[in-house]
PDB file of N, CA and C in Angstrom:
ATOM      1  N   MET A   1      15.586 -13.563  -0.747  1.00  0.00           N
ATOM      2  CA  MET A   1      14.983 -12.925  -0.115  1.00  0.00           C
ATOM      3  C   MET A   1      13.503 -12.244  -1.762  1.00  0.00           C
ATOM      4  N   VAL A   2      12.592 -11.923  -1.640  1.00  0.00           N
ATOM      5  CA  VAL A   2      11.253 -11.462  -1.740  1.00  0.00           C
ATOM      6  C   VAL A   2      10.996 -10.194  -1.908  1.00  0.00           C
ATOM      7  N   GLU A   3       9.623  -9.267  -2.956  1.00  0.00           N
ATOM      8  CA  GLU A   3       9.860  -8.072  -2.915  1.00  0.00           C
ATOM      9  C   GLU A   3       8.821  -7.931  -3.633  1.00  0.00           C
ATOM     10  N   ARG A   4       7.900  -7.075  -2.584  1.00  0.00           N
ATOM     11  CA  ARG A   4       6.500  -6.738  -2.417  1.00  0.00           C
ATOM     12  C   ARG A   4       6.059  -5.480  -2.671  1.00  0.00           C
ATOM     13  N   LYS A   5       4.958  -5.199  -2.328  1.00  0.00           N
ATOM     14  CA  LYS A   5       4.110  -3.776  -2.848  1.00  0.00           C
ATOM     15  C   LYS A   5       3.168  -3.879  -1.645  1.00  0.00           C
ATOM     16  N   TYR A   6       3.622  -2.951  -0.614  1.00  0.00           N
ATOM     17  CA  TYR A   6       2.165  -3.144   1.085  1.00  0.00           C
ATOM     18  C   TYR A   6       1.621  -2.131   1.373  1.00  0.00           C
ATOM     19  N   VAL A   7       0.493  -2.180   2.226  1.00  0.00           N
ATOM     20  CA  VAL A   7       0.154  -1.327   2.321  1.00  0.00           C
ATOM     21  C   VAL A   7      -0.204  -1.368   3.904  1.00  0.00           C
ATOM     22  N   ILE A   8      -0.049  -0.459   4.378  1.00  0.00           N
ATOM     23  CA  ILE A   8      -0.267  -0.174   6.134  1.00  0.00           C
ATOM     24  C   ILE A   8      -2.093   1.207   6.464  1.00  0.00           C
ATOM     25  N   THR A   9      -2.834   0.294   6.770  1.00  0.00           N
ATOM     26  CA  THR A   9      -3.889   0.995   6.175  1.00  0.00           C
ATOM     27  C   THR A   9      -3.832   2.057   8.154  1.00  0.00           C
ATOM     28  N   VAL A  10      -5.358   2.464   8.081  1.00  0.00           N
ATOM     29  CA  VAL A  10      -5.166   3.758   8.806  1.00  0.00           C
ATOM     30  C   VAL A  10      -5.286   2.801  10.483  1.00  0.00           C
ATOM     31  N   PHE A  11      -5.938   1.713  10.198  1.00  0.00           N
ATOM     32  CA  PHE A  11      -5.796   0.662  11.337  1.00  0.00           C
ATOM     33  C   PHE A  11      -4.431   0.138  11.698  1.00  0.00           C
ATOM     34  N   ASP A  12      -3.404   0.576  11.094  1.00  0.00           N
ATOM     35  CA  ASP A  12      -1.691   0.284  11.672  1.00  0.00           C
ATOM     36  C   ASP A  12      -2.090  -1.787  11.116  1.00  0.00           C
ATOM     37  N   ALA A  13      -2.896  -1.963  10.331  1.00  0.00           N
ATOM     38  CA  ALA A  13      -2.921  -3.198   9.782  1.00  0.00           C
ATOM     39  C   ALA A  13      -2.263  -3.151   8.539  1.00  0.00           C
ATOM     40  N   PRO A  14      -1.249  -4.281   8.628  1.00  0.00           N
ATOM     41  CA  PRO A  14      -0.521  -4.498   6.964  1.00  0.00           C
ATOM     42  C   PRO A  14      -1.448  -4.900   6.181  1.00  0.00           C
ATOM     43  N   VAL A  15      -0.831  -4.823   4.745  1.00  0.00           N
ATOM     44  CA  VAL A  15      -1.423  -5.479   3.778  1.00  0.00           C
ATOM     45  C   VAL A  15      -0.613  -5.915   2.487  1.00  0.00           C
ATOM     46  N   ILE A  16      -0.023  -7.133   1.853  1.00  0.00           N
ATOM     47  CA  ILE A  16       1.286  -7.368   1.621  1.00  0.00           C
ATOM     48  C   ILE A  16       0.744  -8.044   0.410  1.00  0.00           C
ATOM     49  N   PHE A  17       0.925  -7.656  -0.825  1.00  0.00           N
ATOM     50  CA  PHE A  17       0.151  -7.936  -2.571  1.00  0.00           C
ATOM     51  C   PHE A  17       1.552  -8.401  -3.195  1.00  0.00           C
ATOM     52  N   ASP A  18       1.239  -8.891  -4.043  1.00  0.00           N
ATOM     53  CA  ASP A  18       1.715  -8.497  -5.646  1.00  0.00           C
ATOM     54  C   ASP A  18       2.323  -8.046  -6.140  1.00  0.00           C
ATOM     55  N   LYS A  19       3.620  -7.324  -6.637  1.00  0.00           N
ATOM     56  CA  LYS A  19       3.703  -5.930  -7.315  1.00  0.00           C
ATOM     57  C   LYS A  19       2.960  -5.886  -9.244  1.00  0.00           C
ATOM     58  N   ARG A  20       2.618  -7.632  -9.343  1.00  0.00           N
ATOM     59  CA  ARG A  20       1.150  -6.863 -10.292  1.00  0.00           C
ATOM     60  C   ARG A  20       0.109  -6.134 -10.502  1.00  0.00           C
ATOM     61  N   ILE A  21      -0.450  -5.747  -8.604  1.00  0.00           N
ATOM     62  CA  ILE A  21      -1.423  -4.690  -8.452  1.00  0.00           C
ATOM     63  C   ILE A  21      -1.269  -3.700  -8.315  1.00  0.00           C
ATOM     64  N   ILE A  22      -2.223  -2.645  -8.241  1.00  0.00           N
ATOM     65  CA  ILE A  22      -1.206  -1.294  -8.267  1.00  0.00           C
ATOM     66  C   ILE A  22      -2.489  -1.173  -6.618  1.00  0.00           C
ATOM     67  N   HIS A  23      -1.815  -0.354  -6.461  1.00  0.00           N
ATOM     68  CA  HIS A  23      -1.889  -0.147  -4.442  1.00  0.00           C
ATOM     69  C   HIS A  23      -3.309   0.507  -4.514  1.00  0.00           C
ATOM     70  N   SER A  24      -3.978   1.530  -5.155  1.00  0.00           N
ATOM     71  CA  SER A  24      -5.236   1.806  -5.641  1.00  0.00           C
ATOM     72  C   SER A  24      -6.297   1.346  -6.429  1.00  0.00           C
ATOM     73  N   GLU A  25      -6.138  -0.278  -6.561  1.00  0.00           N
ATOM     74  CA  GLU A  25      -6.780  -1.238  -6.924  1.00  0.00           C
ATOM     75  C   GLU A  25      -7.804  -1.654  -5.017  1.00  0.00           C
ATOM     76  N   LEU A  26      -6.369  -2.101  -4.894  1.00  0.00           N
ATOM     77  CA  LEU A  26      -7.030  -2.071  -2.992  1.00  0.00           C
ATOM     78  C   LEU A  26      -7.826  -2.230  -2.780  1.00  0.00           C
ATOM     79  N   HIS A  27      -8.163  -0.392  -3.157  1.00  0.00           N
ATOM     80  CA  HIS A  27      -9.580   1.246  -2.327  1.00  0.00           C
ATOM     81  C   HIS A  27      -9.607   0.658  -0.714  1.00  0.00           C
ATOM     82  N   MET A  28      -8.709   0.854  -0.686  1.00  0.00           N
ATOM     83  CA  MET A  28      -8.138   0.907   1.239  1.00  0.00           C
ATOM     84  C   MET A  28      -7.878   2.706   1.512  1.00  0.00           C
ATOM     85  N   ASP A  29      -8.215   2.690   2.849  1.00  0.00           N
ATOM     86  CA  ASP A  29      -7.518   4.032   3.205  1.00  0.00           C
ATOM     87  C   ASP A  29      -6.365   4.182   3.588  1.00  0.00           C
ATOM     88  N   ALA A  30      -5.434   4.340   2.954  1.00  0.00           N
ATOM     89  CA  ALA A  30      -4.070   4.108   3.702  1.00  0.00           C
ATOM     90  C   ALA A  30      -3.069   5.544   4.865  1.00  0.00           C
ATOM     91  N   LYS A  31      -2.178   5.045   5.357  1.00  0.00           N
ATOM     92  CA  LYS A  31      -1.485   5.459   6.044  1.00  0.00           C
ATOM     93  C   LYS A  31      -0.250   5.560   5.422  1.00  0.00           C
ATOM     94  N   SER A  32       0.053   4.686   5.003  1.00  0.00           N
ATOM     95  CA  SER A  32       1.882   4.285   3.944  1.00  0.00           C
ATOM     96  C   SER A  32       1.665   3.611   3.514  1.00  0.00           C
ATOM     97  N   ALA A  33       2.595   3.480   2.011  1.00  0.00           N
ATOM     98  CA  ALA A  33       1.658   1.973   0.955  1.00  0.00           C
ATOM     99  C   ALA A  33       3.395   2.435  -0.013  1.00  0.00           C
ATOM    100  N   GLY A  34       4.284   1.775   0.118  1.00  0.00           N
ATOM    101  CA  GLY A  34       5.243   1.191  -1.276  1.00  0.00           C
ATOM    102  C   GLY A  34       5.778  -0.279  -1.241  1.00  0.00           C
ATOM    103  N   PHE A  35       6.804   0.157  -1.283  1.00  0.00           N
ATOM    104  CA  PHE A  35       7.111  -2.362  -1.679  1.00  0.00           C
ATOM    105  C   PHE A  35       7.743  -2.498   0.043  1.00  0.00           C
ATOM    106  N   VAL A  36       8.172  -3.702   0.015  1.00  0.00           N
ATOM    107  CA  VAL A  36       8.881  -3.873   0.862  1.00  0.00           C
ATOM    108  C   VAL A  36       9.662  -5.375   0.532  1.00  0.00           C
ATOM    109  N   ARG A  37      10.997  -5.170   0.824  1.00  0.00           N
ATOM    110  CA  ARG A  37      11.848  -6.232   1.169  1.00  0.00           C
ATOM    111  C   ARG A  37      11.337  -7.335   1.841  1.00  0.00           C
ATOM    112  N   ILE A  38      11.683  -8.751   1.951  1.00  0.00           N
ATOM    113  CA  ILE A  38      11.329  -9.491   2.393  1.00  0.00           C
ATOM    114  C   ILE A  38      11.976 -10.421   3.207  1.00  0.00           C
ATOM    115  N   TRP A  39      13.008 -10.612   3.863  1.00  0.00           N
ATOM    116  CA  TRP A  39      13.723 -12.093   3.721  1.00  0.00           C
ATOM    117  C   TRP A  39      14.204 -12.467   5.335  1.00  0.00           C
ATOM    118  N   THR A  40      14.565 -13.977   5.992  1.00  0.00           N
ATOM    119  CA  THR A  40      14.763 -14.318   6.783  1.00  0.00           C
ATOM    120  C   THR A  40      16.447 -13.890   7.447  1.00  0.00           C
ATOM    121  N   ASP A  41      16.251 -14.008   8.325  1.00  0.00           N
ATOM    122  CA  ASP A  41      17.460 -13.336   9.056  1.00  0.00           C
ATOM    123  C   ASP A  41      18.096 -14.626   9.938  1.00  0.00           C
ATOM    124  N   PRO A  42      19.231 -15.245   8.831  1.00  0.00           N
ATOM    125  CA  PRO A  42      20.097 -16.433   9.412  1.00  0.00           C
ATOM    126  C   PRO A  42      20.436 -17.015  10.821  1.00  0.00           C
ATOM    127  N   LYS A  43      20.759 -16.326  11.588  1.00  0.00           N
ATOM    128  CA  LYS A  43      21.055 -16.139  12.812  1.00  0.00           C
ATOM    129  C   LYS A  43      20.222 -16.089  13.457  1.00  0.00           C
ATOM    130  N   THR A  44      19.088 -15.449  13.733  1.00  0.00           N
ATOM    131  CA  THR A  44      17.522 -15.650  14.155  1.00  0.00           C
ATOM    132  C   THR A  44      16.322 -15.597  14.144  1.00  0.00           C
ATOM    133  N   GLY A  45      16.484 -16.636  12.582  1.00  0.00           N
ATOM    134  CA  GLY A  45      15.384 -17.155  12.012  1.00  0.00           C
ATOM    135  C   GLY A  45      14.209 -16.552  12.069  1.00  0.00           C
ATOM    136  N   LYS A  46      14.230 -14.727  12.373  1.00  0.00           N
ATOM    137  CA  LYS A  46      13.418 -13.894  12.294  1.00  0.00           C
ATOM    138  C   LYS A  46      13.014 -13.405  10.951  1.00  0.00           C
ATOM    139  N   VAL A  47      11.908 -13.418  11.049  1.00  0.00           N
ATOM    140  CA  VAL A  47      11.351 -12.559   8.956  1.00  0.00           C
ATOM    141  C   VAL A  47      11.713 -10.959   9.613  1.00  0.00           C
ATOM    142  N   ARG A  48      12.540 -10.451   8.126  1.00  0.00           N
ATOM    143  CA  ARG A  48      12.829  -8.845   8.202  1.00  0.00           C
ATOM    144  C   ARG A  48      12.978  -8.882   7.121  1.00  0.00           C
ATOM    145  N   VAL A  49      12.551  -7.085   7.109  1.00  0.00           N
ATOM    146  CA  VAL A  49      11.738  -6.164   6.514  1.00  0.00           C
ATOM    147  C   VAL A  49      12.634  -5.080   6.397  1.00  0.00           C
ATOM    148  N   PHE A  50      12.597  -4.973   4.833  1.00  0.00           N
ATOM    149  CA  PHE A  50      13.273  -3.226   4.523  1.00  0.00           C
ATOM    150  C   PHE A  50      11.834  -2.518   3.838  1.00  0.00           C
ATOM    151  N   CYS A  51      11.889  -1.289   3.570  1.00  0.00           N
ATOM    152  CA  CYS A  51      10.748  -0.866   3.269  1.00  0.00           C
ATOM    153  C   CYS A  51      11.350   0.299   2.493  1.00  0.00           C
ATOM    154  N   PHE A  52      10.365   1.091   1.551  1.00  0.00           N
ATOM    155  CA  PHE A  52      10.731   2.079   0.245  1.00  0.00           C
ATOM    156  C   PHE A  52      10.150   2.601  -0.636  1.00  0.00           C
ATOM    157  N   GLY A  53       9.903   3.636  -0.824  1.00  0.00           N
ATOM    158  CA  GLY A  53       9.344   4.455  -1.951  1.00  0.00           C
ATOM    159  C   GLY A  53       7.882   5.225  -1.480  1.00  0.00           C
ATOM    160  N   GLU A  54       6.798   5.436  -2.264  1.00  0.00           N
ATOM    161  CA  GLU A  54       5.857   5.551  -2.216  1.00  0.00           C
ATOM    162  C   GLU A  54       4.684   5.615  -3.172  1.00  0.00           C
ATOM    163  N   ASN A  55       3.693   5.723  -2.702  1.00  0.00           N
ATOM    164  CA  ASN A  55       2.552   5.348  -4.110  1.00  0.00           C
ATOM    165  C   ASN A  55       1.678   6.556  -4.434  1.00  0.00           C
ATOM    166  N   THR A  56       1.992   6.540  -5.708  1.00  0.00           N
ATOM    167  CA  THR A  56       1.402   7.874  -6.025  1.00  0.00           C
ATOM    168  C   THR A  56       0.123   8.075  -6.665  1.00  0.00           C
ATOM    169  N   SER A  57      -0.603   6.240  -6.669  1.00  0.00           N
ATOM    170  CA  SER A  57      -2.093   6.658  -7.160  1.00  0.00           C
ATOM    171  C   SER A  57      -2.728   6.443  -6.272  1.00  0.00           C
ATOM    172  N   MET A  58      -2.071   6.532  -4.886  1.00  0.00           N
ATOM    173  CA  MET A  58      -2.811   6.483  -3.018  1.00  0.00           C
ATOM    174  C   MET A  58      -2.287   8.681  -2.288  1.00  0.00           C
ATOM    175  N   GLY A  59      -1.137   8.093  -3.206  1.00  0.00           N
ATOM    176  CA  GLY A  59      -0.562   9.695  -2.747  1.00  0.00           C
ATOM    177  C   GLY A  59      -0.303   9.228  -1.514  1.00  0.00           C
ATOM    178  N   VAL A  60       0.373   8.338  -0.904  1.00  0.00           N
ATOM    179  CA  VAL A  60       0.739   8.233  -0.064  1.00  0.00           C
ATOM    180  C   VAL A  60       2.766   8.051   0.178  1.00  0.00           C
ATOM    181  N   ALA A  61       3.572   7.170   0.966  1.00  0.00           N
ATOM    182  CA  ALA A  61       4.317   7.140   1.044  1.00  0.00           C
ATOM    183  C   ALA A  61       5.021   6.482   1.852  1.00  0.00           C
ATOM    184  N   ALA A  62       5.978   5.336   2.113  1.00  0.00           N
ATOM    185  CA  ALA A  62       6.622   4.447   2.849  1.00  0.00           C
ATOM    186  C   ALA A  62       7.211   6.098   4.012  1.00  0.00           C
ATOM    187  N   HIS A  63       7.468   5.055   5.291  1.00  0.00           N
ATOM    188  CA  HIS A  63       7.447   5.707   6.591  1.00  0.00           C
ATOM    189  C   HIS A  63       8.533   4.626   6.831  1.00  0.00           C
ATOM    190  N   PRO A  64       9.619   4.431   6.939  1.00  0.00           N
ATOM    191  CA  PRO A  64      10.559   2.804   6.744  1.00  0.00           C
ATOM    192  C   PRO A  64      10.317   2.430   8.485  1.00  0.00           C
ATOM    193  N   ASN A  65      10.857   3.561   8.943  1.00  0.00           N
ATOM    194  CA  ASN A  65      11.126   2.810  10.764  1.00  0.00           C
ATOM    195  C   ASN A  65       9.812   2.329  11.211  1.00  0.00           C
ATOM    196  N   ILE A  66       8.503   3.421  10.894  1.00  0.00           N
ATOM    197  CA  ILE A  66       7.889   2.671  12.011  1.00  0.00           C
ATOM    198  C   ILE A  66       6.875   1.639  11.112  1.00  0.00           C
ATOM    199  N   ASP A  67       6.626   1.310   9.433  1.00  0.00           N
ATOM    200  CA  ASP A  67       6.660   0.665   9.222  1.00  0.00           C
ATOM    201  C   ASP A  67       7.031  -0.542   8.617  1.00  0.00           C
ATOM    202  N   GLU A  68       8.357  -1.300   8.843  1.00  0.00           N
ATOM    203  CA  GLU A  68       8.859  -2.430   9.341  1.00  0.00           C
ATOM    204  C   GLU A  68       8.742  -2.684  10.874  1.00  0.00           C
ATOM    205  N   LYS A  69       8.349  -2.091  11.594  1.00  0.00           N
ATOM    206  CA  LYS A  69       8.290  -2.590  13.021  1.00  0.00           C
ATOM    207  C   LYS A  69       6.510  -3.243  12.949  1.00  0.00           C
ATOM    208  N   ILE A  70       5.941  -2.839  12.346  1.00  0.00           N
ATOM    209  CA  ILE A  70       4.417  -3.230  12.242  1.00  0.00           C
ATOM    210  C   ILE A  70       4.306  -3.714  11.219  1.00  0.00           C
ATOM    211  N   LEU A  71       5.722  -4.218  10.058  1.00  0.00           N
ATOM    212  CA  LEU A  71       4.984  -5.464   8.851  1.00  0.00           C
ATOM    213  C   LEU A  71       6.087  -6.657  10.358  1.00  0.00           C
ATOM    214  N   GLU A  72       7.100  -6.708  10.351  1.00  0.00           N
ATOM    215  CA  GLU A  72       7.845  -7.328  10.974  1.00  0.00           C
ATOM    216  C   GLU A  72       7.151  -8.415  12.479  1.00  0.00           C
ATOM    217  N   GLY A  73       6.485  -7.636  13.059  1.00  0.00           N
ATOM    218  CA  GLY A  73       5.644  -7.677  14.503  1.00  0.00           C
ATOM    219  C   GLY A  73       4.425  -8.719  13.919  1.00  0.00           C
ATOM    220  N   PHE A  74       4.297  -7.971  12.271  1.00  0.00           N
ATOM    221  CA  PHE A  74       2.981  -9.358  12.132  1.00  0.00           C
ATOM    222  C   PHE A  74       3.809 -10.590  11.159  1.00  0.00           C
ATOM    223  N   LEU A  75       4.130 -10.230  10.735  1.00  0.00           N
ATOM    224  CA  LEU A  75       5.540 -11.682  10.004  1.00  0.00           C
ATOM    225  C   LEU A  75       5.178 -12.304  10.425  1.00  0.00           C
ATOM    226  N   ASN A  76       5.893 -12.147  12.090  1.00  0.00           N
ATOM    227  CA  ASN A  76       6.714 -12.976  13.071  1.00  0.00           C
ATOM    228  C   ASN A  76       5.457 -13.277  14.236  1.00  0.00           C
ATOM    229  N   ASN A  77       4.502 -12.698  13.718  1.00  0.00           N
ATOM    230  CA  ASN A  77       3.792 -13.118  14.886  1.00  0.00           C
ATOM    231  C   ASN A  77       3.628 -12.976  16.465  1.00  0.00           C
ATOM    232  N   GLU A  78       4.284 -11.474  16.504  1.00  0.00           N
ATOM    233  CA  GLU A  78       4.765 -10.852  17.483  1.00  0.00           C
ATOM    234  C   GLU A  78       3.653 -10.558  18.441  1.00  0.00           C
TER     235      GLU A  78
END
């Protein structure tokens, strides 16, 4: 499992990046942002994610149910 930061843009485009980068340094209009844990499900081979937290520098929070679907779809090429 790996933990990263993420942003979902106003166009529903996911951006995943290293935790050392501050969210606001990306200069993006975001619908949501936070932290994401990423792993591969051993039974299905699919990438799974868990979104959480908020970003104070951008003033947005994670929306787990929505963000997880967007990120998993992107990471699984769906």
